Amino acid sequence: MTRGLSEKIRSMATAPTIAPDQVGQVTRQPYPNYKVIVLNDDFNTFQHVSSCLMKYIPNMTSDLAWELTNQVHFEGQATVWVGPLEQAELYHQQLSRAGLTMAPLEKA
């Protein structure tokens, strides 16, 4: 009997192991984007809002900054940038420090 058991153990050790299909696979999910939203207020001028957007938001043109400033004024808010959290936090902080009224960051 002992010999039969050792043969089984030996055969188990030499037999190929087959892992289930899903074990060890990593599912990659993209990081969520966040929206930087400027809110309308009664104390920032159009020029100041537009200038801040051009200063702190990368690749912001004067035409787009003016369009977004008008949207802030007439609609009460405008999403001025969408992207990864770390950059969104930076732009949000910079615009806030410049005196703009900001909505909390939210997932896009």
PDB file of N, CA and C in Angstrom:
ATOM      1  N   MET A   1       0.815  -1.198   0.000  1.00  0.00           N
ATOM      2  CA  MET A   1       0.000   0.000   0.000  1.00  0.00           C
ATOM      3  C   MET A   1       0.846   1.244   0.000  1.00  0.00           C
ATOM      4  N   THR A   2       1.941   1.209   0.693  1.00  0.00           N
ATOM      5  CA  THR A   2       2.789   2.380   0.766  1.00  0.00           C
ATOM      6  C   THR A   2       3.341   2.720  -0.604  1.00  0.00           C
ATOM      7  N   ARG A   3       3.688   1.695  -1.340  1.00  0.00           N
ATOM      8  CA  ARG A   3       4.245   1.942  -2.660  1.00  0.00           C
ATOM      9  C   ARG A   3       3.200   2.594  -3.572  1.00  0.00           C
ATOM     10  N   GLY A   4       1.990   2.224  -3.505  1.00  0.00           N
ATOM     11  CA  GLY A   4       0.942   2.810  -4.321  1.00  0.00           C
ATOM     12  C   GLY A   4       0.723   4.274  -3.988  1.00  0.00           C
ATOM     13  N   LEU A   5       0.797   4.608  -2.712  1.00  0.00           N
ATOM     14  CA  LEU A   5       0.620   5.991  -2.277  1.00  0.00           C
ATOM     15  C   LEU A   5       1.770   6.852  -2.768  1.00  0.00           C
ATOM     16  N   SER A   6       3.008   6.360  -2.663  1.00  0.00           N
ATOM     17  CA  SER A   6       4.153   7.154  -3.117  1.00  0.00           C
ATOM     18  C   SER A   6       4.111   7.367  -4.626  1.00  0.00           C
ATOM     19  N   GLU A   7       3.600   6.370  -5.367  1.00  0.00           N
ATOM     20  CA  GLU A   7       3.461   6.537  -6.807  1.00  0.00           C
ATOM     21  C   GLU A   7       2.440   7.625  -7.132  1.00  0.00           C
ATOM     22  N   LYS A   8       1.353   7.663  -6.372  1.00  0.00           N
ATOM     23  CA  LYS A   8       0.341   8.704  -6.584  1.00  0.00           C
ATOM     24  C   LYS A   8       0.922  10.088  -6.295  1.00  0.00           C
ATOM     25  N   ILE A   9       1.671  10.174  -5.204  1.00  0.00           N
ATOM     26  CA  ILE A   9       2.274  11.460  -4.845  1.00  0.00           C
ATOM     27  C   ILE A   9       3.275  11.887  -5.918  1.00  0.00           C
ATOM     28  N   ARG A  10       4.103  10.945  -6.363  1.00  0.00           N
ATOM     29  CA  ARG A  10       5.085  11.244  -7.395  1.00  0.00           C
ATOM     30  C   ARG A  10       4.401  11.662  -8.680  1.00  0.00           C
ATOM     31  N   SER A  11       3.327  11.008  -9.026  1.00  0.00           N
ATOM     32  CA  SER A  11       2.635  11.359 -10.264  1.00  0.00           C
ATOM     33  C   SER A  11       1.966  12.732 -10.138  1.00  0.00           C
ATOM     34  N   MET A  12       1.535  13.073  -8.936  1.00  0.00           N
ATOM     35  CA  MET A  12       0.944  14.399  -8.729  1.00  0.00           C
ATOM     36  C   MET A  12       2.019  15.480  -8.880  1.00  0.00           C
ATOM     37  N   ALA A  13       3.206  15.204  -8.399  1.00  0.00           N
ATOM     38  CA  ALA A  13       4.276  16.191  -8.453  1.00  0.00           C
ATOM     39  C   ALA A  13       4.760  16.411  -9.874  1.00  0.00           C
ATOM     40  N   THR A  14       4.684  15.416 -10.701  1.00  0.00           N
ATOM     41  CA  THR A  14       5.175  15.563 -12.060  1.00  0.00           C
ATOM     42  C   THR A  14       4.074  15.932 -13.051  1.00  0.00           C
ATOM     43  N   ALA A  15       2.835  15.845 -12.628  1.00  0.00           N
ATOM     44  CA  ALA A  15       1.730  16.170 -13.527  1.00  0.00           C
ATOM     45  C   ALA A  15       1.678  17.687 -13.736  1.00  0.00           C
ATOM     46  N   PRO A  16       1.387  18.106 -14.945  1.00  0.00           N
ATOM     47  CA  PRO A  16       1.290  19.550 -15.169  1.00  0.00           C
ATOM     48  C   PRO A  16       0.097  20.126 -14.413  1.00  0.00           C
ATOM     49  N   THR A  17       0.286  21.327 -13.932  1.00  0.00           N
ATOM     50  CA  THR A  17      -0.813  21.996 -13.248  1.00  0.00           C
ATOM     51  C   THR A  17      -1.458  22.977 -14.213  1.00  0.00           C
ATOM     52  N   ILE A  18      -2.753  22.996 -14.189  1.00  0.00           N
ATOM     53  CA  ILE A  18      -3.494  23.886 -15.070  1.00  0.00           C
ATOM     54  C   ILE A  18      -4.252  24.870 -14.194  1.00  0.00           C
ATOM     55  N   ALA A  19      -3.927  26.133 -14.358  1.00  0.00           N
ATOM     56  CA  ALA A  19      -4.586  27.171 -13.554  1.00  0.00           C
ATOM     57  C   ALA A  19      -5.884  27.588 -14.237  1.00  0.00           C
ATOM     58  N   PRO A  20      -6.868  27.938 -13.442  1.00  0.00           N
ATOM     59  CA  PRO A  20      -8.102  28.465 -14.037  1.00  0.00           C
ATOM     60  C   PRO A  20      -7.815  29.712 -14.864  1.00  0.00           C
ATOM     61  N   ASP A  21      -8.648  29.952 -15.860  1.00  0.00           N
ATOM     62  CA  ASP A  21      -8.430  31.065 -16.784  1.00  0.00           C
ATOM     63  C   ASP A  21      -8.327  32.424 -16.098  1.00  0.00           C
ATOM     64  N   GLN A  22      -9.149  32.679 -15.108  1.00  0.00           N
ATOM     65  CA  GLN A  22      -9.235  34.023 -14.526  1.00  0.00           C
ATOM     66  C   GLN A  22      -8.221  34.282 -13.414  1.00  0.00           C
ATOM     67  N   VAL A  23      -7.611  33.264 -12.872  1.00  0.00           N
ATOM     68  CA  VAL A  23      -6.687  33.464 -11.762  1.00  0.00           C
ATOM     69  C   VAL A  23      -5.453  34.218 -12.239  1.00  0.00           C
ATOM     70  N   GLY A  24      -5.096  35.250 -11.532  1.00  0.00           N
ATOM     71  CA  GLY A  24      -3.891  36.007 -11.846  1.00  0.00           C
ATOM     72  C   GLY A  24      -4.071  37.083 -12.892  1.00  0.00           C
ATOM     73  N   GLN A  25      -5.209  37.132 -13.531  1.00  0.00           N
ATOM     74  CA  GLN A  25      -5.423  38.176 -14.527  1.00  0.00           C
ATOM     75  C   GLN A  25      -5.821  39.467 -13.837  1.00  0.00           C
ATOM     76  N   VAL A  26      -5.291  40.535 -14.325  1.00  0.00           N
ATOM     77  CA  VAL A  26      -5.596  41.850 -13.767  1.00  0.00           C
ATOM     78  C   VAL A  26      -6.534  42.582 -14.714  1.00  0.00           C
ATOM     79  N   THR A  27      -7.614  43.082 -14.170  1.00  0.00           N
ATOM     80  CA  THR A  27      -8.532  43.878 -14.966  1.00  0.00           C
ATOM     81  C   THR A  27      -8.133  45.336 -14.810  1.00  0.00           C
ATOM     82  N   ARG A  28      -7.755  45.950 -15.879  1.00  0.00           N
ATOM     83  CA  ARG A  28      -7.341  47.348 -15.830  1.00  0.00           C
ATOM     84  C   ARG A  28      -8.532  48.246 -16.123  1.00  0.00           C
ATOM     85  N   GLN A  29      -8.702  49.211 -15.245  1.00  0.00           N
ATOM     86  CA  GLN A  29      -9.761  50.184 -15.453  1.00  0.00           C
ATOM     87  C   GLN A  29      -9.127  51.561 -15.460  1.00  0.00           C
ATOM     88  N   PRO A  30      -9.543  52.420 -16.358  1.00  0.00           N
ATOM     89  CA  PRO A  30      -8.939  53.757 -16.408  1.00  0.00           C
ATOM     90  C   PRO A  30      -9.320  54.558 -15.162  1.00  0.00           C
ATOM     91  N   TYR A  31      -8.422  55.456 -14.794  1.00  0.00           N
ATOM     92  CA  TYR A  31      -8.733  56.352 -13.691  1.00  0.00           C
ATOM     93  C   TYR A  31      -9.850  57.279 -14.137  1.00  0.00           C
ATOM     94  N   PRO A  32     -10.731  57.651 -13.213  1.00  0.00           N
ATOM     95  CA  PRO A  32     -11.812  58.558 -13.601  1.00  0.00           C
ATOM     96  C   PRO A  32     -11.281  59.969 -13.850  1.00  0.00           C
ATOM     97  N   ASN A  33     -11.970  60.694 -14.693  1.00  0.00           N
ATOM     98  CA  ASN A  33     -11.659  62.103 -14.914  1.00  0.00           C
ATOM     99  C   ASN A  33     -12.494  62.943 -13.959  1.00  0.00           C
ATOM    100  N   TYR A  34     -12.013  64.141 -13.690  1.00  0.00           N
ATOM    101  CA  TYR A  34     -12.701  65.072 -12.803  1.00  0.00           C
ATOM    102  C   TYR A  34     -12.926  66.388 -13.514  1.00  0.00           C
ATOM    103  N   LYS A  35     -14.023  67.064 -13.157  1.00  0.00           N
ATOM    104  CA  LYS A  35     -14.377  68.338 -13.775  1.00  0.00           C
ATOM    105  C   LYS A  35     -13.994  69.488 -12.850  1.00  0.00           C
ATOM    106  N   VAL A  36     -13.361  70.503 -13.438  1.00  0.00           N
ATOM    107  CA  VAL A  36     -13.076  71.757 -12.741  1.00  0.00           C
ATOM    108  C   VAL A  36     -14.155  72.736 -13.181  1.00  0.00           C
ATOM    109  N   ILE A  37     -14.965  73.180 -12.225  1.00  0.00           N
ATOM    110  CA  ILE A  37     -16.129  74.013 -12.538  1.00  0.00           C
ATOM    111  C   ILE A  37     -16.017  75.360 -11.838  1.00  0.00           C
ATOM    112  N   VAL A  38     -16.131  76.426 -12.631  1.00  0.00           N
ATOM    113  CA  VAL A  38     -16.137  77.793 -12.094  1.00  0.00           C
ATOM    114  C   VAL A  38     -17.592  78.230 -11.956  1.00  0.00           C
ATOM    115  N   LEU A  39     -17.905  78.839 -10.805  1.00  0.00           N
ATOM    116  CA  LEU A  39     -19.265  79.306 -10.536  1.00  0.00           C
ATOM    117  C   LEU A  39     -19.355  80.817 -10.692  1.00  0.00           C
ATOM    118  N   ASN A  40     -20.538  81.287 -11.015  1.00  0.00           N
ATOM    119  CA  ASN A  40     -20.784  82.721 -11.110  1.00  0.00           C
ATOM    120  C   ASN A  40     -20.787  83.336  -9.711  1.00  0.00           C
ATOM    121  N   ASP A  41     -20.357  84.577  -9.619  1.00  0.00           N
ATOM    122  CA  ASP A  41     -20.428  85.321  -8.365  1.00  0.00           C
ATOM    123  C   ASP A  41     -20.633  86.792  -8.690  1.00  0.00           C
ATOM    124  N   ASP A  42     -20.772  87.604  -7.663  1.00  0.00           N
ATOM    125  CA  ASP A  42     -21.053  89.031  -7.859  1.00  0.00           C
ATOM    126  C   ASP A  42     -19.825  89.922  -7.761  1.00  0.00           C
ATOM    127  N   PHE A  43     -18.652  89.349  -7.624  1.00  0.00           N
ATOM    128  CA  PHE A  43     -17.485  90.214  -7.411  1.00  0.00           C
ATOM    129  C   PHE A  43     -16.339  90.028  -8.391  1.00  0.00           C
ATOM    130  N   ASN A  44     -16.260  88.934  -9.140  1.00  0.00           N
ATOM    131  CA  ASN A  44     -15.202  88.780 -10.141  1.00  0.00           C
ATOM    132  C   ASN A  44     -15.653  89.364 -11.476  1.00  0.00           C
ATOM    133  N   THR A  45     -14.758  90.119 -12.093  1.00  0.00           N
ATOM    134  CA  THR A  45     -15.073  90.718 -13.389  1.00  0.00           C
ATOM    135  C   THR A  45     -14.853  89.700 -14.510  1.00  0.00           C
ATOM    136  N   PHE A  46     -15.475  89.987 -15.646  1.00  0.00           N
ATOM    137  CA  PHE A  46     -15.266  89.132 -16.819  1.00  0.00           C
ATOM    138  C   PHE A  46     -13.777  89.040 -17.134  1.00  0.00           C
ATOM    139  N   GLN A  47     -13.096  90.162 -17.103  1.00  0.00           N
ATOM    140  CA  GLN A  47     -11.676  90.202 -17.452  1.00  0.00           C
ATOM    141  C   GLN A  47     -10.850  89.338 -16.503  1.00  0.00           C
ATOM    142  N   HIS A  48     -11.159  89.420 -15.199  1.00  0.00           N
ATOM    143  CA  HIS A  48     -10.396  88.639 -14.220  1.00  0.00           C
ATOM    144  C   HIS A  48     -10.608  87.134 -14.431  1.00  0.00           C
ATOM    145  N   VAL A  49     -11.855  86.719 -14.629  1.00  0.00           N
ATOM    146  CA  VAL A  49     -12.141  85.294 -14.838  1.00  0.00           C
ATOM    147  C   VAL A  49     -11.441  84.807 -16.106  1.00  0.00           C
ATOM    148  N   SER A  50     -11.576  85.544 -17.167  1.00  0.00           N
ATOM    149  CA  SER A  50     -10.948  85.169 -18.430  1.00  0.00           C
ATOM    150  C   SER A  50      -9.427  85.092 -18.304  1.00  0.00           C
ATOM    151  N   SER A  51      -8.837  86.064 -17.650  1.00  0.00           N
ATOM    152  CA  SER A  51      -7.376  86.082 -17.454  1.00  0.00           C
ATOM    153  C   SER A  51      -6.909  84.892 -16.626  1.00  0.00           C
ATOM    154  N   CYS A  52      -7.656  84.564 -15.580  1.00  0.00           N
ATOM    155  CA  CYS A  52      -7.288  83.419 -14.732  1.00  0.00           C
ATOM    156  C   CYS A  52      -7.356  82.117 -15.514  1.00  0.00           C
ATOM    157  N   LEU A  53      -8.379  81.971 -16.326  1.00  0.00           N
ATOM    158  CA  LEU A  53      -8.491  80.750 -17.126  1.00  0.00           C
ATOM    159  C   LEU A  53      -7.297  80.604 -18.063  1.00  0.00           C
ATOM    160  N   MET A  54      -6.910  81.704 -18.705  1.00  0.00           N
ATOM    161  CA  MET A  54      -5.763  81.645 -19.627  1.00  0.00           C
ATOM    162  C   MET A  54      -4.460  81.398 -18.876  1.00  0.00           C
ATOM    163  N   LYS A  55      -4.360  81.911 -17.673  1.00  0.00           N
ATOM    164  CA  LYS A  55      -3.130  81.771 -16.893  1.00  0.00           C
ATOM    165  C   LYS A  55      -2.953  80.355 -16.346  1.00  0.00           C
ATOM    166  N   TYR A  56      -4.019  79.729 -15.873  1.00  0.00           N
ATOM    167  CA  TYR A  56      -3.884  78.473 -15.132  1.00  0.00           C
ATOM    168  C   TYR A  56      -4.312  77.215 -15.882  1.00  0.00           C
ATOM    169  N   ILE A  57      -5.149  77.337 -16.872  1.00  0.00           N
ATOM    170  CA  ILE A  57      -5.597  76.145 -17.606  1.00  0.00           C
ATOM    171  C   ILE A  57      -4.738  75.993 -18.866  1.00  0.00           C
ATOM    172  N   PRO A  58      -4.045  74.861 -19.005  1.00  0.00           N
ATOM    173  CA  PRO A  58      -3.162  74.669 -20.160  1.00  0.00           C
ATOM    174  C   PRO A  58      -3.912  74.755 -21.491  1.00  0.00           C
ATOM    175  N   ASN A  59      -3.255  75.346 -22.450  1.00  0.00           N
ATOM    176  CA  ASN A  59      -3.758  75.468 -23.826  1.00  0.00           C
ATOM    177  C   ASN A  59      -5.063  76.254 -23.941  1.00  0.00           C
ATOM    178  N   MET A  60      -5.364  77.073 -22.952  1.00  0.00           N
ATOM    179  CA  MET A  60      -6.578  77.884 -22.991  1.00  0.00           C
ATOM    180  C   MET A  60      -6.337  79.076 -23.907  1.00  0.00           C
ATOM    181  N   THR A  61      -7.194  79.243 -24.890  1.00  0.00           N
ATOM    182  CA  THR A  61      -7.095  80.387 -25.794  1.00  0.00           C
ATOM    183  C   THR A  61      -7.930  81.533 -25.238  1.00  0.00           C
ATOM    184  N   SER A  62      -7.673  82.719 -25.703  1.00  0.00           N
ATOM    185  CA  SER A  62      -8.450  83.868 -25.233  1.00  0.00           C
ATOM    186  C   SER A  62      -9.914  83.746 -25.674  1.00  0.00           C
ATOM    187  N   ASP A  63     -10.144  83.238 -26.868  1.00  0.00           N
ATOM    188  CA  ASP A  63     -11.526  83.065 -27.341  1.00  0.00           C
ATOM    189  C   ASP A  63     -12.296  82.072 -26.477  1.00  0.00           C
ATOM    190  N   LEU A  64     -11.674  80.935 -26.163  1.00  0.00           N
ATOM    191  CA  LEU A  64     -12.339  79.935 -25.338  1.00  0.00           C
ATOM    192  C   LEU A  64     -12.533  80.452 -23.916  1.00  0.00           C
ATOM    193  N   ALA A  65     -11.529  81.151 -23.385  1.00  0.00           N
ATOM    194  CA  ALA A  65     -11.644  81.706 -22.034  1.00  0.00           C
ATOM    195  C   ALA A  65     -12.811  82.683 -21.962  1.00  0.00           C
ATOM    196  N   TRP A  66     -12.960  83.512 -22.991  1.00  0.00           N
ATOM    197  CA  TRP A  66     -14.057  84.482 -23.005  1.00  0.00           C
ATOM    198  C   TRP A  66     -15.409  83.768 -23.138  1.00  0.00           C
ATOM    199  N   GLU A  67     -15.458  82.720 -23.953  1.00  0.00           N
ATOM    200  CA  GLU A  67     -16.690  81.940 -24.122  1.00  0.00           C
ATOM    201  C   GLU A  67     -17.084  81.272 -22.789  1.00  0.00           C
ATOM    202  N   LEU A  68     -16.114  80.695 -22.097  1.00  0.00           N
ATOM    203  CA  LEU A  68     -16.386  80.065 -20.803  1.00  0.00           C
ATOM    204  C   LEU A  68     -16.792  81.099 -19.751  1.00  0.00           C
ATOM    205  N   THR A  69     -16.173  82.259 -19.784  1.00  0.00           N
ATOM    206  CA  THR A  69     -16.530  83.335 -18.852  1.00  0.00           C
ATOM    207  C   THR A  69     -17.979  83.761 -19.065  1.00  0.00           C
ATOM    208  N   ASN A  70     -18.390  83.874 -20.309  1.00  0.00           N
ATOM    209  CA  ASN A  70     -19.787  84.196 -20.603  1.00  0.00           C
ATOM    210  C   ASN A  70     -20.721  83.090 -20.116  1.00  0.00           C
ATOM    211  N   GLN A  71     -20.304  81.860 -20.280  1.00  0.00           N
ATOM    212  CA  GLN A  71     -21.114  80.735 -19.802  1.00  0.00           C
ATOM    213  C   GLN A  71     -21.259  80.796 -18.283  1.00  0.00           C
ATOM    214  N   VAL A  72     -20.173  81.097 -17.588  1.00  0.00           N
ATOM    215  CA  VAL A  72     -20.236  81.246 -16.127  1.00  0.00           C
ATOM    216  C   VAL A  72     -21.269  82.314 -15.770  1.00  0.00           C
ATOM    217  N   HIS A  73     -21.200  83.449 -16.444  1.00  0.00           N
ATOM    218  CA  HIS A  73     -22.088  84.576 -16.136  1.00  0.00           C
ATOM    219  C   HIS A  73     -23.552  84.266 -16.450  1.00  0.00           C
ATOM    220  N   PHE A  74     -23.818  83.760 -17.637  1.00  0.00           N
ATOM    221  CA  PHE A  74     -25.193  83.598 -18.083  1.00  0.00           C
ATOM    222  C   PHE A  74     -25.849  82.284 -17.633  1.00  0.00           C
ATOM    223  N   GLU A  75     -25.044  81.231 -17.425  1.00  0.00           N
ATOM    224  CA  GLU A  75     -25.609  79.940 -17.023  1.00  0.00           C
ATOM    225  C   GLU A  75     -25.327  79.596 -15.566  1.00  0.00           C
ATOM    226  N   GLY A  76     -24.496  80.400 -14.913  1.00  0.00           N
ATOM    227  CA  GLY A  76     -24.208  80.174 -13.499  1.00  0.00           C
ATOM    228  C   GLY A  76     -22.983  79.339 -13.220  1.00  0.00           C
ATOM    229  N   GLN A  77     -22.491  78.646 -14.230  1.00  0.00           N
ATOM    230  CA  GLN A  77     -21.287  77.830 -14.062  1.00  0.00           C
ATOM    231  C   GLN A  77     -20.767  77.376 -15.412  1.00  0.00           C
ATOM    232  N   ALA A  78     -19.497  76.962 -15.417  1.00  0.00           N
ATOM    233  CA  ALA A  78     -18.906  76.389 -16.628  1.00  0.00           C
ATOM    234  C   ALA A  78     -17.828  75.393 -16.226  1.00  0.00           C
ATOM    235  N   THR A  79     -17.817  74.276 -16.920  1.00  0.00           N
ATOM    236  CA  THR A  79     -16.728  73.310 -16.749  1.00  0.00           C
ATOM    237  C   THR A  79     -15.576  73.812 -17.601  1.00  0.00           C
ATOM    238  N   VAL A  80     -14.464  74.138 -16.945  1.00  0.00           N
ATOM    239  CA  VAL A  80     -13.345  74.758 -17.655  1.00  0.00           C
ATOM    240  C   VAL A  80     -12.219  73.780 -17.973  1.00  0.00           C
ATOM    241  N   TRP A  81     -12.256  72.602 -17.347  1.00  0.00           N
ATOM    242  CA  TRP A  81     -11.227  71.600 -17.615  1.00  0.00           C
ATOM    243  C   TRP A  81     -11.723  70.255 -17.126  1.00  0.00           C
ATOM    244  N   VAL A  82     -11.359  69.171 -17.829  1.00  0.00           N
ATOM    245  CA  VAL A  82     -11.692  67.806 -17.423  1.00  0.00           C
ATOM    246  C   VAL A  82     -10.448  66.951 -17.612  1.00  0.00           C
ATOM    247  N   GLY A  83     -10.107  66.173 -16.572  1.00  0.00           N
ATOM    248  CA  GLY A  83      -8.944  65.305 -16.681  1.00  0.00           C
ATOM    249  C   GLY A  83      -8.644  64.613 -15.368  1.00  0.00           C
ATOM    250  N   PRO A  84      -7.429  64.057 -15.254  1.00  0.00           N
ATOM    251  CA  PRO A  84      -7.038  63.297 -14.068  1.00  0.00           C
ATOM    252  C   PRO A  84      -7.119  64.120 -12.777  1.00  0.00           C
ATOM    253  N   LEU A  85      -7.366  63.421 -11.676  1.00  0.00           N
ATOM    254  CA  LEU A  85      -7.599  64.056 -10.383  1.00  0.00           C
ATOM    255  C   LEU A  85      -6.463  64.982  -9.955  1.00  0.00           C
ATOM    256  N   GLU A  86      -5.230  64.532 -10.054  1.00  0.00           N
ATOM    257  CA  GLU A  86      -4.114  65.338  -9.554  1.00  0.00           C
ATOM    258  C   GLU A  86      -4.031  66.692 -10.260  1.00  0.00           C
ATOM    259  N   GLN A  87      -4.172  66.695 -11.569  1.00  0.00           N
ATOM    260  CA  GLN A  87      -4.145  67.954 -12.310  1.00  0.00           C
ATOM    261  C   GLN A  87      -5.383  68.786 -11.996  1.00  0.00           C
ATOM    262  N   ALA A  88      -6.534  68.130 -11.886  1.00  0.00           N
ATOM    263  CA  ALA A  88      -7.769  68.844 -11.561  1.00  0.00           C
ATOM    264  C   ALA A  88      -7.638  69.544 -10.217  1.00  0.00           C
ATOM    265  N   GLU A  89      -7.034  68.873  -9.255  1.00  0.00           N
ATOM    266  CA  GLU A  89      -6.830  69.487  -7.935  1.00  0.00           C
ATOM    267  C   GLU A  89      -5.948  70.720  -8.041  1.00  0.00           C
ATOM    268  N   LEU A  90      -4.894  70.637  -8.845  1.00  0.00           N
ATOM    269  CA  LEU A  90      -3.992  71.775  -9.015  1.00  0.00           C
ATOM    270  C   LEU A  90      -4.716  72.966  -9.634  1.00  0.00           C
ATOM    271  N   TYR A  91      -5.410  72.748 -10.738  1.00  0.00           N
ATOM    272  CA  TYR A  91      -6.094  73.857 -11.417  1.00  0.00           C
ATOM    273  C   TYR A  91      -7.197  74.436 -10.533  1.00  0.00           C
ATOM    274  N   HIS A  92      -7.905  73.571  -9.842  1.00  0.00           N
ATOM    275  CA  HIS A  92      -8.961  74.015  -8.924  1.00  0.00           C
ATOM    276  C   HIS A  92      -8.364  74.924  -7.845  1.00  0.00           C
ATOM    277  N   GLN A  93      -7.267  74.487  -7.264  1.00  0.00           N
ATOM    278  CA  GLN A  93      -6.613  75.264  -6.210  1.00  0.00           C
ATOM    279  C   GLN A  93      -6.097  76.604  -6.741  1.00  0.00           C
ATOM    280  N   GLN A  94      -5.482  76.589  -7.897  1.00  0.00           N
ATOM    281  CA  GLN A  94      -4.943  77.825  -8.467  1.00  0.00           C
ATOM    282  C   GLN A  94      -6.058  78.828  -8.760  1.00  0.00           C
ATOM    283  N   LEU A  95      -7.144  78.365  -9.359  1.00  0.00           N
ATOM    284  CA  LEU A  95      -8.254  79.263  -9.670  1.00  0.00           C
ATOM    285  C   LEU A  95      -8.912  79.784  -8.395  1.00  0.00           C
ATOM    286  N   SER A  96      -9.026  78.925  -7.417  1.00  0.00           N
ATOM    287  CA  SER A  96      -9.612  79.325  -6.135  1.00  0.00           C
ATOM    288  C   SER A  96      -8.749  80.380  -5.449  1.00  0.00           C
ATOM    289  N   ARG A  97      -7.461  80.171  -5.444  1.00  0.00           N
ATOM    290  CA  ARG A  97      -6.529  81.142  -4.829  1.00  0.00           C
ATOM    291  C   ARG A  97      -6.537  82.479  -5.563  1.00  0.00           C
ATOM    292  N   ALA A  98      -6.871  82.436  -6.844  1.00  0.00           N
ATOM    293  CA  ALA A  98      -6.950  83.675  -7.623  1.00  0.00           C
ATOM    294  C   ALA A  98      -8.260  84.415  -7.359  1.00  0.00           C
ATOM    295  N   GLY A  99      -9.131  83.814  -6.542  1.00  0.00           N
ATOM    296  CA  GLY A  99     -10.355  84.488  -6.152  1.00  0.00           C
ATOM    297  C   GLY A  99     -11.611  84.039  -6.864  1.00  0.00           C
ATOM    298  N   LEU A 100     -11.499  83.063  -7.770  1.00  0.00           N
ATOM    299  CA  LEU A 100     -12.699  82.588  -8.461  1.00  0.00           C
ATOM    300  C   LEU A 100     -13.518  81.703  -7.525  1.00  0.00           C
ATOM    301  N   THR A 101     -14.808  81.710  -7.723  1.00  0.00           N
ATOM    302  CA  THR A 101     -15.695  80.869  -6.937  1.00  0.00           C
ATOM    303  C   THR A 101     -15.784  79.512  -7.634  1.00  0.00           C
ATOM    304  N   MET A 102     -15.423  78.471  -6.890  1.00  0.00           N
ATOM    305  CA  MET A 102     -15.296  77.145  -7.488  1.00  0.00           C
ATOM    306  C   MET A 102     -16.292  76.161  -6.890  1.00  0.00           C
ATOM    307  N   ALA A 103     -16.811  75.283  -7.745  1.00  0.00           N
ATOM    308  CA  ALA A 103     -17.608  74.157  -7.272  1.00  0.00           C
ATOM    309  C   ALA A 103     -16.627  73.078  -6.817  1.00  0.00           C
ATOM    310  N   PRO A 104     -17.048  72.187  -5.916  1.00  0.00           N
ATOM    311  CA  PRO A 104     -16.171  71.079  -5.560  1.00  0.00           C
ATOM    312  C   PRO A 104     -15.867  70.223  -6.792  1.00  0.00           C
ATOM    313  N   LEU A 105     -14.704  69.593  -6.804  1.00  0.00           N
ATOM    314  CA  LEU A 105     -14.377  68.704  -7.919  1.00  0.00           C
ATOM    315  C   LEU A 105     -15.394  67.577  -7.955  1.00  0.00           C
ATOM    316  N   GLU A 106     -15.765  67.179  -9.165  1.00  0.00           N
ATOM    317  CA  GLU A 106     -16.687  66.053  -9.296  1.00  0.00           C
ATOM    318  C   GLU A 106     -16.241  65.174 -10.444  1.00  0.00           C
ATOM    319  N   LYS A 107     -16.565  63.878 -10.311  1.00  0.00           N
ATOM    320  CA  LYS A 107     -16.214  62.940 -11.373  1.00  0.00           C
ATOM    321  C   LYS A 107     -16.959  63.291 -12.645  1.00  0.00           C
ATOM    322  N   ALA A 108     -16.249  63.142 -13.740  1.00  0.00           N
ATOM    323  CA  ALA A 108     -16.856  63.436 -15.048  1.00  0.00           C
ATOM    324  C   ALA A 108     -17.731  62.292 -15.490  1.00  0.00           C
TER     325      ALA A 108
END
